[in-house]
Amino acid sequence: MQLTAPATPRPGTRTRDADGMAVASFILGLLGLLVFNVFLGPTAIVLAAASLWRGTARKGRAYLGMGLGVADLLVLVTLMQMDSTLSWSF
């Protein structure tokens, strides 16, 4: 009887997943400037941080996604202060 080791992911899979997370954080951060910034902003920040931690080759997109996620939250806070409510509308 031969025992086999459990399947391990290929080395390129982790980097490819990290690259996908970097792109996703950029897109979600960009969309968050327009809609659902209370959800999309933090999601973009978390995805960007995870992709940087995993060693993405797309560091620029990850940093842009993180910056856009922070901008989403700043837009939310600014618009909430202008309306003096916990929600905002145009």
N, C-alpha and C. Protein backbone atom coordinates (compact mmCIF):
# COMPACT_ATOMS: atom_id res chain seq x y z
N MET A 1 0.84 -1.17 0.00
CA MET A 1 0.00 0.00 0.00
C MET A 1 0.89 1.24 0.00
N GLN A 2 0.60 2.14 -0.93
CA GLN A 2 1.42 3.34 -1.05
C GLN A 2 0.64 4.53 -0.51
N LEU A 3 1.27 5.23 0.40
CA LEU A 3 0.65 6.44 0.95
C LEU A 3 1.09 7.64 0.11
N THR A 4 0.15 8.46 -0.22
CA THR A 4 0.48 9.65 -1.00
C THR A 4 0.23 10.88 -0.17
N ALA A 5 0.99 11.87 -0.44
CA ALA A 5 0.84 13.14 0.27
C ALA A 5 -0.41 13.85 -0.26
N PRO A 6 -1.03 14.65 0.56
CA PRO A 6 -2.19 15.40 0.08
C PRO A 6 -1.77 16.37 -1.03
N ALA A 7 -2.70 16.61 -1.89
CA ALA A 7 -2.42 17.51 -3.02
C ALA A 7 -2.12 18.92 -2.50
N THR A 8 -1.06 19.48 -2.99
CA THR A 8 -0.71 20.85 -2.63
C THR A 8 -0.88 21.73 -3.85
N PRO A 9 -1.26 22.97 -3.65
CA PRO A 9 -1.42 23.84 -4.80
C PRO A 9 -0.10 24.06 -5.53
N ARG A 10 -0.19 24.26 -6.80
CA ARG A 10 1.01 24.55 -7.58
C ARG A 10 1.57 25.90 -7.17
N PRO A 11 2.87 26.11 -7.31
CA PRO A 11 3.48 27.37 -6.87
C PRO A 11 2.89 28.60 -7.55
N GLY A 12 2.52 28.51 -8.81
CA GLY A 12 1.98 29.67 -9.53
C GLY A 12 0.55 30.01 -9.14
N THR A 13 -0.15 29.07 -8.51
CA THR A 13 -1.55 29.30 -8.15
C THR A 13 -1.68 30.41 -7.12
N ARG A 14 -0.81 30.41 -6.13
CA ARG A 14 -0.89 31.42 -5.07
C ARG A 14 -0.66 32.82 -5.62
N THR A 15 0.31 32.96 -6.51
CA THR A 15 0.58 34.27 -7.11
C THR A 15 -0.58 34.70 -8.01
N ARG A 16 -1.14 33.75 -8.77
CA ARG A 16 -2.25 34.08 -9.64
C ARG A 16 -3.47 34.51 -8.83
N ASP A 17 -3.72 33.84 -7.70
CA ASP A 17 -4.82 34.25 -6.82
C ASP A 17 -4.57 35.63 -6.25
N ALA A 18 -3.34 35.90 -5.87
CA ALA A 18 -2.99 37.22 -5.33
C ALA A 18 -3.16 38.30 -6.39
N ASP A 19 -2.79 38.00 -7.63
CA ASP A 19 -2.97 38.97 -8.71
C ASP A 19 -4.45 39.24 -8.94
N GLY A 20 -5.27 38.19 -8.87
CA GLY A 20 -6.72 38.36 -9.02
C GLY A 20 -7.31 39.20 -7.91
N MET A 21 -6.81 39.01 -6.69
CA MET A 21 -7.30 39.82 -5.57
C MET A 21 -6.90 41.28 -5.73
N ALA A 22 -5.71 41.53 -6.27
CA ALA A 22 -5.27 42.91 -6.49
C ALA A 22 -6.17 43.60 -7.51
N VAL A 23 -6.49 42.92 -8.59
CA VAL A 23 -7.37 43.50 -9.61
C VAL A 23 -8.78 43.69 -9.05
N ALA A 24 -9.26 42.71 -8.28
CA ALA A 24 -10.59 42.82 -7.69
C ALA A 24 -10.66 43.99 -6.71
N SER A 25 -9.61 44.21 -5.94
CA SER A 25 -9.62 45.33 -4.99
C SER A 25 -9.67 46.66 -5.74
N PHE A 26 -8.95 46.73 -6.86
CA PHE A 26 -8.98 47.96 -7.66
C PHE A 26 -10.38 48.21 -8.22
N ILE A 27 -11.01 47.18 -8.77
CA ILE A 27 -12.34 47.34 -9.36
C ILE A 27 -13.38 47.66 -8.29
N LEU A 28 -13.34 46.96 -7.16
CA LEU A 28 -14.30 47.23 -6.10
C LEU A 28 -14.10 48.62 -5.50
N GLY A 29 -12.85 49.05 -5.37
CA GLY A 29 -12.59 50.40 -4.87
C GLY A 29 -13.11 51.46 -5.83
N LEU A 30 -12.96 51.20 -7.12
CA LEU A 30 -13.46 52.14 -8.12
C LEU A 30 -14.99 52.19 -8.11
N LEU A 31 -15.62 51.04 -8.05
CA LEU A 31 -17.08 51.01 -7.98
C LEU A 31 -17.61 51.62 -6.69
N GLY A 32 -16.86 51.45 -5.62
CA GLY A 32 -17.27 51.97 -4.33
C GLY A 32 -17.35 53.48 -4.27
N LEU A 33 -16.67 54.16 -5.18
CA LEU A 33 -16.79 55.62 -5.20
C LEU A 33 -18.19 56.04 -5.63
N LEU A 34 -18.88 55.17 -6.35
CA LEU A 34 -20.21 55.50 -6.86
C LEU A 34 -21.34 54.89 -6.04
N VAL A 35 -21.21 53.63 -5.68
CA VAL A 35 -22.30 52.94 -4.97
C VAL A 35 -21.73 52.05 -3.87
N PHE A 36 -22.51 51.83 -2.85
CA PHE A 36 -22.21 50.88 -1.75
C PHE A 36 -20.82 51.06 -1.17
N ASN A 37 -20.39 52.33 -1.00
CA ASN A 37 -19.03 52.54 -0.51
C ASN A 37 -18.83 52.03 0.92
N VAL A 38 -19.89 51.91 1.69
CA VAL A 38 -19.74 51.40 3.05
C VAL A 38 -19.35 49.92 3.05
N PHE A 39 -19.69 49.18 2.01
CA PHE A 39 -19.32 47.76 1.90
C PHE A 39 -18.11 47.55 1.00
N LEU A 40 -18.09 48.23 -0.13
CA LEU A 40 -17.04 48.00 -1.11
C LEU A 40 -15.69 48.59 -0.68
N GLY A 41 -15.71 49.68 0.07
CA GLY A 41 -14.46 50.29 0.53
C GLY A 41 -13.65 49.35 1.42
N PRO A 42 -14.25 48.86 2.52
CA PRO A 42 -13.50 47.92 3.36
C PRO A 42 -13.13 46.63 2.65
N THR A 43 -13.99 46.16 1.75
CA THR A 43 -13.68 44.95 1.00
C THR A 43 -12.45 45.16 0.12
N ALA A 44 -12.38 46.32 -0.53
CA ALA A 44 -11.22 46.63 -1.36
C ALA A 44 -9.94 46.71 -0.53
N ILE A 45 -10.03 47.27 0.65
CA ILE A 45 -8.86 47.38 1.53
C ILE A 45 -8.38 46.00 1.95
N VAL A 46 -9.30 45.14 2.34
CA VAL A 46 -8.93 43.78 2.79
C VAL A 46 -8.34 42.98 1.64
N LEU A 47 -8.95 43.05 0.46
CA LEU A 47 -8.41 42.31 -0.68
C LEU A 47 -7.02 42.81 -1.08
N ALA A 48 -6.83 44.12 -1.04
CA ALA A 48 -5.52 44.67 -1.37
C ALA A 48 -4.46 44.22 -0.37
N ALA A 49 -4.80 44.26 0.91
CA ALA A 49 -3.84 43.84 1.93
C ALA A 49 -3.51 42.35 1.79
N ALA A 50 -4.52 41.53 1.51
CA ALA A 50 -4.29 40.10 1.34
C ALA A 50 -3.43 39.81 0.12
N SER A 51 -3.67 40.54 -0.96
CA SER A 51 -2.87 40.30 -2.16
C SER A 51 -1.43 40.74 -1.96
N LEU A 52 -1.21 41.83 -1.26
CA LEU A 52 0.17 42.25 -0.96
C LEU A 52 0.85 41.26 -0.04
N TRP A 53 0.11 40.72 0.91
CA TRP A 53 0.68 39.75 1.84
C TRP A 53 1.07 38.46 1.11
N ARG A 54 0.29 38.08 0.10
CA ARG A 54 0.58 36.86 -0.66
C ARG A 54 1.64 37.08 -1.74
N GLY A 55 2.08 38.28 -1.93
CA GLY A 55 3.16 38.54 -2.87
C GLY A 55 2.71 38.69 -4.31
N THR A 56 1.75 39.56 -4.54
CA THR A 56 1.25 39.77 -5.88
C THR A 56 2.30 40.42 -6.77
N ALA A 57 2.21 40.12 -8.05
CA ALA A 57 3.08 40.79 -9.02
C ALA A 57 2.49 42.13 -9.43
N ARG A 58 1.25 42.37 -9.09
CA ARG A 58 0.55 43.60 -9.45
C ARG A 58 0.43 44.51 -8.23
N LYS A 59 1.56 44.90 -7.70
CA LYS A 59 1.57 45.72 -6.50
C LYS A 59 0.91 47.08 -6.73
N GLY A 60 1.08 47.64 -7.92
CA GLY A 60 0.48 48.93 -8.22
C GLY A 60 -1.03 48.89 -8.13
N ARG A 61 -1.64 47.85 -8.68
CA ARG A 61 -3.09 47.72 -8.61
C ARG A 61 -3.56 47.48 -7.19
N ALA A 62 -2.78 46.74 -6.43
CA ALA A 62 -3.15 46.50 -5.04
C ALA A 62 -3.11 47.80 -4.24
N TYR A 63 -2.07 48.60 -4.45
CA TYR A 63 -1.99 49.88 -3.75
C TYR A 63 -3.08 50.84 -4.21
N LEU A 64 -3.40 50.83 -5.50
CA LEU A 64 -4.51 51.65 -6.00
C LEU A 64 -5.83 51.19 -5.39
N GLY A 65 -6.03 49.89 -5.30
CA GLY A 65 -7.25 49.36 -4.69
C GLY A 65 -7.35 49.77 -3.23
N MET A 66 -6.23 49.73 -2.52
CA MET A 66 -6.24 50.15 -1.12
C MET A 66 -6.54 51.64 -1.00
N GLY A 67 -5.91 52.43 -1.85
CA GLY A 67 -6.17 53.87 -1.83
C GLY A 67 -7.61 54.20 -2.18
N LEU A 68 -8.16 53.51 -3.16
CA LEU A 68 -9.56 53.74 -3.53
C LEU A 68 -10.50 53.29 -2.42
N GLY A 69 -10.16 52.21 -1.72
CA GLY A 69 -10.97 51.77 -0.59
C GLY A 69 -11.00 52.81 0.52
N VAL A 70 -9.85 53.41 0.80
CA VAL A 70 -9.79 54.48 1.80
C VAL A 70 -10.57 55.70 1.30
N ALA A 71 -10.45 56.01 0.00
CA ALA A 71 -11.20 57.13 -0.57
C ALA A 71 -12.70 56.89 -0.48
N ASP A 72 -13.14 55.64 -0.66
CA ASP A 72 -14.55 55.31 -0.52
C ASP A 72 -15.06 55.68 0.86
N LEU A 73 -14.29 55.32 1.87
CA LEU A 73 -14.69 55.62 3.24
C LEU A 73 -14.66 57.12 3.52
N LEU A 74 -13.68 57.82 2.94
CA LEU A 74 -13.63 59.28 3.12
C LEU A 74 -14.81 59.97 2.44
N VAL A 75 -15.19 59.49 1.27
CA VAL A 75 -16.37 60.04 0.58
C VAL A 75 -17.61 59.80 1.43
N LEU A 76 -17.74 58.60 1.99
CA LEU A 76 -18.89 58.29 2.84
C LEU A 76 -18.95 59.22 4.04
N VAL A 77 -17.84 59.40 4.72
CA VAL A 77 -17.81 60.26 5.91
C VAL A 77 -18.12 61.70 5.53
N THR A 78 -17.55 62.18 4.42
CA THR A 78 -17.79 63.55 3.98
C THR A 78 -19.27 63.77 3.66
N LEU A 79 -19.86 62.86 2.91
CA LEU A 79 -21.27 63.02 2.54
C LEU A 79 -22.19 62.86 3.75
N MET A 80 -21.80 62.01 4.69
CA MET A 80 -22.61 61.87 5.90
C MET A 80 -22.54 63.15 6.73
N GLN A 81 -21.39 63.79 6.78
CA GLN A 81 -21.26 65.04 7.52
C GLN A 81 -22.06 66.16 6.86
N MET A 82 -22.12 66.16 5.55
CA MET A 82 -22.87 67.20 4.84
C MET A 82 -24.38 67.04 5.06
N ASP A 83 -24.85 65.79 5.17
CA ASP A 83 -26.27 65.53 5.39
C ASP A 83 -26.64 65.49 6.86
N SER A 84 -25.66 65.38 7.74
CA SER A 84 -25.87 65.24 9.18
C SER A 84 -26.72 64.02 9.52
N THR A 85 -26.54 62.92 8.75
CA THR A 85 -27.25 61.68 9.02
C THR A 85 -26.27 60.53 8.88
N LEU A 86 -26.76 59.33 9.18
CA LEU A 86 -25.92 58.14 9.01
C LEU A 86 -25.97 57.59 7.60
N SER A 87 -26.81 58.17 6.75
CA SER A 87 -26.89 57.77 5.37
C SER A 87 -26.73 59.00 4.50
N TRP A 88 -26.53 58.80 3.22
CA TRP A 88 -26.37 59.94 2.34
C TRP A 88 -27.09 59.67 1.03
N SER A 89 -27.42 60.74 0.35
CA SER A 89 -28.02 60.65 -0.99
C SER A 89 -27.65 61.91 -1.74
N PHE A 90 -27.78 61.83 -3.06
CA PHE A 90 -27.44 62.98 -3.88
C PHE A 90 -28.57 63.97 -3.92
